[in-house]
Amino acid sequence: MFFPKIPLITWTPKGLYCAAGDFYIDPHRAVDVAIITHAHSDHARRGSKKYICEESGAELLKTRLGKKIEVETYQYGESFHLGKVKISLHSAGHILGSAQVRVELDGEVWVASGDYKRDRDPSCDPFESVPCDIFITEATFGTPKFVWQKNINHGQMMHDWWLENEKQGINSILFGYSLGKAQRILAELHPYAHKPVIIHHTIDELTDCYRRQMRNMARTEVLNERELTGELILAPPSILKENWVHLLGEYKTAFASGWMQNSGRGGYDRGFVMSDHADWNDLNLTIKETGAKKVYVQHRDGALVRHLKRQGIEAHPIADLDIELFTPKPGENLVLI
């Protein structure tokens, strides 16, 4: 029986794996060496012996996973080796320290994007297109209905909403994920906020990590049990389930997310279409700029894979990198072709 040559990167039960360098990218389970694209919990998990990440994201990683983890850091564009494999990290524009992973062996270059966006974001470094032969791309918003309006002044829009409610003596609760989205909101509000933004305690320490990386944030005050009137409160949605929610008084709610584009308000009084992922157009632009001859798609892969194939690009769902497709079962011979 013939099996195709094992790719430089494969998909395994633990996540993306490079056998030639013996490392994983954003592993789902504990491993010996984990290259982490960013500190969100679905990409950075506890238990690995050694973590590698971009320098500006190291403190976020330790805040999430524990101060005592072993972390090795590199700046964007700085090369290092694991085994014979040459590796470098390049800005993904997703959150602070987010990185695409460039992997090179024998002249063949792969790039695993992690999560990325190309929209302007004052809280992190801008996205960098990285030329490669094979590109592994995320596609969280990988359908044509998700196209973000560009050049929106998110900070002013959110501040105007806050002021409108403040004039009526109403609190404004703006929901955003504690890492990444919350800090982007604070950075967008920095030129406009006329007084401190009240933040949930889960946002406080992570925001300090951003400030120590010289990112300008709006002034903040940690939410406590005092009564509030006319304030902007930045918090995860779980705040409405906490015991002292009655202290929030009269309020209106808003959610900042790309999901607000096509899902209406989803039960919120206001939706701000502000995503930390690439939209349909930027996914396609990025793939074009990489020059990749082959593309593997993670997450919402169907529409994007079909579209790329119509463009003459060899495209596959990530399942086509499953290690079992390249591994002989007992009694079968492996032949590299």
Protein backbone atom coordinates (compact mmCIF):
# COMPACT_ATOMS: atom_id res chain seq x y z
CA MET A 1 0.00 0.00 0.00
CA PHE A 2 1.26 3.48 -0.86
CA PHE A 3 1.04 6.43 1.49
CA PRO A 4 1.80 10.02 0.54
CA LYS A 5 4.81 11.78 2.00
CA ILE A 6 4.21 13.02 5.52
CA PRO A 7 3.68 16.81 5.38
CA LEU A 8 5.88 19.19 7.34
CA ILE A 9 2.86 19.96 9.55
CA THR A 10 0.09 17.48 10.32
CA TRP A 11 -3.18 17.54 12.25
CA THR A 12 -3.17 15.25 15.30
CA PRO A 13 -5.40 14.64 18.34
CA LYS A 14 -3.19 17.17 20.15
CA GLY A 15 -3.35 19.76 17.37
CA LEU A 16 -0.96 20.94 14.66
CA TYR A 17 2.34 19.04 14.86
CA CYS A 18 5.71 19.38 13.16
CA ALA A 19 7.55 16.07 13.51
CA ALA A 20 10.78 17.42 11.99
CA GLY A 21 11.05 19.95 14.83
CA ASP A 22 9.07 17.93 17.39
CA PHE A 23 6.79 20.79 18.40
CA TYR A 24 3.09 21.61 18.38
CA ILE A 25 1.31 24.83 17.46
CA ASP A 26 -1.50 25.76 19.88
CA PRO A 27 -1.81 22.17 21.18
CA HIS A 28 -5.11 21.00 22.65
CA ARG A 29 -3.33 19.00 25.33
CA ALA A 30 -0.10 19.13 27.33
CA VAL A 31 3.02 18.55 25.20
CA ASP A 32 6.77 19.00 25.55
CA VAL A 33 7.11 22.05 23.29
CA ALA A 34 4.17 24.32 22.42
CA ILE A 35 4.42 27.31 20.10
CA ILE A 36 1.53 29.57 21.08
CA THR A 37 0.00 31.98 18.59
CA HIS A 38 -1.74 34.00 21.33
CA ALA A 39 -3.03 33.77 24.89
CA HIS A 40 -6.75 33.04 24.32
CA SER A 41 -7.77 29.91 26.20
CA ASP A 42 -8.68 27.94 23.06
CA HIS A 43 -5.10 28.39 21.82
CA ALA A 44 -3.08 28.39 25.04
CA ARG A 45 -3.68 25.51 27.44
CA ARG A 46 -2.04 24.50 30.68
CA GLY A 47 0.38 21.65 31.27
CA SER A 48 3.03 21.85 28.55
CA LYS A 49 6.68 21.68 29.60
CA LYS A 50 7.81 24.62 27.47
CA TYR A 51 5.98 27.45 25.72
CA ILE A 52 7.28 29.62 22.90
CA CYS A 53 5.57 32.89 22.03
CA GLU A 54 6.15 36.42 20.77
CA GLU A 55 7.83 38.64 23.32
CA SER A 56 5.03 41.16 23.91
CA GLY A 57 2.52 38.38 24.62
CA ALA A 58 4.56 36.54 27.26
CA GLU A 59 3.07 38.32 30.26
CA LEU A 60 -0.45 37.65 29.01
CA LEU A 61 0.44 33.96 28.63
CA LYS A 62 1.78 33.78 32.19
CA THR A 63 -1.24 35.64 33.53
CA ARG A 64 -3.50 33.07 31.90
CA LEU A 65 -1.47 29.88 32.52
CA GLY A 66 0.60 30.63 35.63
CA LYS A 67 3.64 32.72 36.48
CA LYS A 68 5.91 29.66 36.83
CA ILE A 69 5.49 28.22 33.32
CA GLU A 70 8.63 28.01 31.18
CA VAL A 71 8.35 30.56 28.38
CA GLU A 72 10.84 31.25 25.60
CA THR A 73 10.20 34.45 23.65
CA TYR A 74 11.15 35.89 20.28
CA GLN A 75 10.44 39.19 18.61
CA TYR A 76 8.46 39.39 15.37
CA GLY A 77 10.64 38.28 12.47
CA GLU A 78 13.40 36.79 14.65
CA SER A 79 14.43 33.30 13.50
CA PHE A 80 15.18 30.29 15.68
CA HIS A 81 15.55 26.55 15.12
CA LEU A 82 13.96 23.42 16.53
CA GLY A 83 15.83 20.47 15.10
CA LYS A 84 16.46 21.25 11.44
CA VAL A 85 13.37 23.44 11.18
CA LYS A 86 13.72 27.22 10.90
CA ILE A 87 10.89 29.10 12.62
CA SER A 88 9.87 32.73 12.97
CA LEU A 89 6.83 34.55 14.38
CA HIS A 90 4.99 37.29 12.47
CA SER A 91 2.25 39.64 13.61
CA ALA A 92 -1.30 38.36 13.26
CA GLY A 93 -3.00 41.60 14.34
CA HIS A 94 -5.44 39.63 16.52
CA ILE A 95 -4.50 40.69 20.06
CA LEU A 96 -1.32 41.81 21.81
CA GLY A 97 1.51 39.42 20.95
CA SER A 98 -0.55 37.37 18.49
CA ALA A 99 1.61 35.65 15.90
CA GLN A 100 1.55 33.63 12.74
CA VAL A 101 4.07 30.79 12.79
CA ARG A 102 6.41 30.48 9.78
CA VAL A 103 8.02 27.04 9.47
CA GLU A 104 10.72 26.26 6.90
CA LEU A 105 12.54 23.05 6.03
CA ASP A 106 14.56 22.21 2.89
CA GLY A 107 13.28 25.31 1.10
CA GLU A 108 9.58 24.58 1.74
CA VAL A 109 7.74 27.23 3.76
CA TRP A 110 4.53 26.72 5.74
CA VAL A 111 2.66 29.40 7.67
CA ALA A 112 0.05 28.67 10.35
CA SER A 113 -1.95 31.84 10.82
CA GLY A 114 -3.61 31.33 14.19
CA ASP A 115 -6.40 33.91 14.55
CA TYR A 116 -5.81 37.14 12.65
CA LYS A 117 -7.33 40.37 11.43
CA ARG A 118 -6.26 43.19 9.12
CA ASP A 119 -8.38 46.02 10.55
CA ARG A 120 -6.65 48.88 12.35
CA ASP A 121 -6.32 48.19 16.08
CA PRO A 122 -4.42 50.56 18.41
CA SER A 123 -4.03 47.81 21.02
CA CYS A 124 -1.69 45.55 19.01
CA ASP A 125 0.76 45.39 16.10
CA PRO A 126 -0.70 45.39 12.57
CA PHE A 127 -1.07 42.23 10.51
CA GLU A 128 1.85 41.13 8.31
CA SER A 129 1.38 39.06 5.15
CA VAL A 130 3.96 36.27 5.05
CA PRO A 131 4.81 34.62 1.69
CA CYS A 132 4.72 30.83 1.84
CA ASP A 133 4.20 27.66 -0.17
CA ILE A 134 1.47 26.25 2.09
CA PHE A 135 -0.84 28.35 4.25
CA ILE A 136 -2.94 27.11 7.17
CA THR A 137 -5.58 29.79 7.68
CA GLU A 138 -8.33 30.30 10.21
CA ALA A 139 -11.78 31.11 8.83
CA THR A 140 -13.98 32.02 11.79
CA PHE A 141 -15.96 34.39 9.55
CA GLY A 142 -15.29 32.44 6.36
CA THR A 143 -18.52 33.05 4.47
CA PRO A 144 -19.35 35.90 2.04
CA LYS A 145 -22.00 37.39 4.34
CA PHE A 146 -19.33 38.57 6.78
CA VAL A 147 -17.74 41.73 5.37
CA TRP A 148 -16.75 44.48 7.79
CA GLN A 149 -17.24 48.13 6.94
CA LYS A 150 -13.76 49.65 6.99
CA ASN A 151 -12.49 52.91 8.47
CA ILE A 152 -15.13 53.04 11.21
CA ASN A 153 -14.28 55.16 14.24
CA HIS A 154 -15.31 52.58 16.81
CA GLY A 155 -14.14 54.67 19.75
CA GLN A 156 -16.27 57.66 18.85
CA MET A 157 -19.33 55.50 18.13
CA MET A 158 -19.09 53.76 21.50
CA HIS A 159 -18.48 57.05 23.29
CA ASP A 160 -21.47 58.70 21.60
CA TRP A 161 -23.67 55.81 22.78
CA TRP A 162 -22.31 56.22 26.30
CA LEU A 163 -22.99 59.98 26.30
CA GLU A 164 -26.53 59.48 25.00
CA ASN A 165 -27.31 57.13 27.87
CA GLU A 166 -25.48 59.26 30.43
CA LYS A 167 -27.71 62.22 29.64
CA GLN A 168 -30.69 60.06 30.61
CA GLY A 169 -29.05 58.86 33.83
CA ILE A 170 -28.70 55.35 32.39
CA ASN A 171 -25.65 53.09 32.71
CA SER A 172 -24.13 51.64 29.53
CA ILE A 173 -23.00 48.02 29.80
CA LEU A 174 -20.69 47.13 26.93
CA PHE A 175 -19.96 43.43 26.65
CA GLY A 176 -16.58 42.30 25.36
CA TYR A 177 -14.34 39.31 25.98
CA SER A 178 -11.93 39.88 28.87
CA LEU A 179 -8.78 39.38 26.79
CA GLY A 180 -8.30 41.16 23.48
CA LYS A 181 -11.70 42.67 22.81
CA ALA A 182 -11.88 44.53 26.12
CA GLN A 183 -8.42 46.05 25.62
CA ARG A 184 -9.18 47.01 22.04
CA ILE A 185 -12.31 48.80 23.25
CA LEU A 186 -10.27 50.67 25.87
CA ALA A 187 -7.66 51.60 23.26
CA GLU A 188 -10.34 52.81 20.84
CA LEU A 189 -11.92 54.86 23.64
CA HIS A 190 -8.61 56.36 24.78
CA PRO A 191 -8.94 59.60 22.74
CA TYR A 192 -12.59 60.09 23.72
CA ALA A 193 -13.41 58.81 27.22
CA HIS A 194 -14.32 61.80 29.41
CA LYS A 195 -14.00 59.84 32.65
CA PRO A 196 -12.83 56.37 33.73
CA VAL A 197 -14.46 53.31 32.22
CA ILE A 198 -15.73 50.91 34.88
CA ILE A 199 -14.26 47.46 34.18
CA HIS A 200 -15.04 44.00 35.50
CA HIS A 201 -12.31 42.48 37.69
CA THR A 202 -11.53 39.81 35.04
CA ILE A 203 -10.35 42.58 32.70
CA ASP A 204 -8.12 44.50 35.12
CA GLU A 205 -4.91 42.46 35.28
CA LEU A 206 -4.95 41.71 31.55
CA THR A 207 -5.31 45.41 30.78
CA ASP A 208 -2.29 46.16 32.96
CA CYS A 209 -0.29 43.77 30.76
CA TYR A 210 -1.19 45.93 27.77
CA ARG A 211 -0.26 49.13 29.57
CA ARG A 212 3.16 47.72 30.45
CA GLN A 213 3.66 47.13 26.72
CA MET A 214 3.06 50.89 26.21
CA ARG A 215 -0.43 50.53 24.75
CA ASN A 216 -2.61 53.55 25.45
CA MET A 217 -5.84 52.62 27.22
CA ALA A 218 -8.71 54.74 28.49
CA ARG A 219 -8.58 55.34 32.24
CA THR A 220 -10.30 52.58 34.19
CA GLU A 221 -11.80 51.86 37.58
CA VAL A 222 -12.53 48.32 38.77
CA LEU A 223 -16.22 47.62 39.28
CA ASN A 224 -17.18 47.40 42.94
CA GLU A 225 -20.41 47.40 44.90
CA ARG A 226 -21.11 51.12 44.78
CA GLU A 227 -24.19 52.33 42.96
CA LEU A 228 -23.58 53.65 39.45
CA THR A 229 -25.34 56.24 37.31
CA GLY A 230 -24.44 57.22 33.75
CA GLU A 231 -21.29 55.10 33.66
CA LEU A 232 -19.79 52.96 30.92
CA ILE A 233 -19.27 49.45 32.28
CA LEU A 234 -17.04 47.10 30.30
CA ALA A 235 -17.61 43.48 31.26
CA PRO A 236 -18.12 39.90 30.05
CA PRO A 237 -21.80 38.85 29.66
CA SER A 238 -21.58 36.81 32.86
CA ILE A 239 -21.88 40.02 34.87
CA LEU A 240 -25.68 39.87 34.57
CA LYS A 241 -25.65 36.59 36.54
CA GLU A 242 -23.70 37.98 39.48
CA ASN A 243 -25.41 38.56 42.84
CA TRP A 244 -25.05 42.33 42.95
CA VAL A 245 -26.36 43.08 39.46
CA HIS A 246 -29.12 45.14 41.11
CA LEU A 247 -26.50 47.80 41.87
CA LEU A 248 -26.20 48.52 38.16
CA GLY A 249 -29.47 50.40 38.31
CA GLU A 250 -31.13 51.26 35.02
CA TYR A 251 -28.96 50.25 32.09
CA LYS A 252 -28.75 49.56 28.38
CA THR A 253 -26.57 46.86 26.87
CA ALA A 254 -24.36 46.57 23.81
CA PHE A 255 -22.08 43.88 22.42
CA ALA A 256 -18.93 44.48 20.35
CA SER A 257 -18.44 41.55 17.97
CA GLY A 258 -18.37 40.58 14.32
CA TRP A 259 -21.41 38.41 15.05
CA MET A 260 -23.44 41.60 15.40
CA GLN A 261 -23.38 42.11 11.62
CA ASN A 262 -25.88 39.46 10.62
CA SER A 263 -27.52 38.36 13.85
CA GLY A 264 -29.31 41.62 14.59
CA ARG A 265 -28.88 42.84 18.12
CA GLY A 266 -29.20 39.40 19.65
CA GLY A 267 -31.14 40.70 22.62
CA TYR A 268 -28.84 43.69 23.16
CA ASP A 269 -29.93 47.31 22.90
CA ARG A 270 -27.02 48.08 20.57
CA GLY A 271 -24.54 46.09 18.50
CA PHE A 272 -21.09 47.31 17.46
CA VAL A 273 -19.66 45.36 14.54
CA MET A 274 -16.06 45.15 15.73
CA SER A 275 -14.29 41.88 15.11
CA ASP A 276 -10.84 40.59 16.00
CA HIS A 277 -10.96 38.18 13.05
CA ALA A 278 -10.54 38.69 9.31
CA ASP A 279 -13.73 39.03 7.29
CA TRP A 280 -14.41 37.24 4.01
CA ASN A 281 -12.60 39.79 1.86
CA ASP A 282 -9.53 39.92 4.08
CA LEU A 283 -9.30 36.13 4.25
CA ASN A 284 -9.17 36.02 0.48
CA LEU A 285 -6.77 38.97 0.23
CA THR A 286 -4.42 37.35 2.71
CA ILE A 287 -4.39 34.04 0.88
CA LYS A 288 -3.62 35.85 -2.36
CA GLU A 289 -0.79 37.84 -0.80
CA THR A 290 0.88 34.75 0.66
CA GLY A 291 1.21 33.29 -2.85
CA ALA A 292 0.52 29.87 -1.35
CA LYS A 293 0.05 27.05 -3.84
CA LYS A 294 -1.89 25.04 -1.26
CA VAL A 295 -4.24 26.21 1.52
CA TYR A 296 -5.66 24.37 4.51
CA VAL A 297 -8.65 25.94 6.27
CA GLN A 298 -9.54 25.70 9.95
CA HIS A 299 -12.95 26.34 11.52
CA ARG A 300 -15.63 27.44 9.03
CA ASP A 301 -13.96 25.70 6.08
CA GLY A 302 -16.72 24.75 3.60
CA ALA A 303 -17.48 28.00 1.80
CA LEU A 304 -13.88 29.18 1.70
CA VAL A 305 -12.52 25.86 0.43
CA ARG A 306 -15.10 25.79 -2.37
CA HIS A 307 -14.41 29.41 -3.29
CA LEU A 308 -10.64 28.89 -3.41
CA LYS A 309 -11.00 25.84 -5.61
CA ARG A 310 -13.06 27.89 -8.06
CA GLN A 311 -10.15 30.36 -8.11
CA GLY A 312 -7.79 27.56 -9.11
CA ILE A 313 -6.15 27.28 -5.69
CA GLU A 314 -5.63 23.82 -4.18
CA ALA A 315 -7.65 24.12 -0.97
CA HIS A 316 -8.50 21.60 1.75
CA PRO A 317 -10.18 21.43 5.16
CA ILE A 318 -7.70 20.93 7.99
CA ALA A 319 -8.90 17.31 8.29
CA ASP A 320 -6.94 16.54 5.13
CA LEU A 321 -3.75 16.95 7.21
CA ASP A 322 -4.88 14.27 9.66
CA ILE A 323 -1.78 12.28 10.65
CA GLU A 324 -3.68 9.01 10.19
CA LEU A 325 -3.89 9.66 6.44
CA PHE A 326 -0.11 9.47 6.27
CA THR A 327 0.55 6.72 8.81
CA PRO A 328 0.47 2.99 7.94
CA LYS A 329 -1.48 0.66 10.15
CA PRO A 330 0.23 -2.42 11.58
CA GLY A 331 1.27 -4.72 8.73
CA GLU A 332 1.23 -1.98 6.11
CA ASN A 333 4.40 -0.54 4.59
CA LEU A 334 5.02 3.18 4.38
CA VAL A 335 6.31 4.27 0.99
CA LEU A 336 7.22 7.93 0.51
CA ILE A 337 6.09 9.24 -2.87
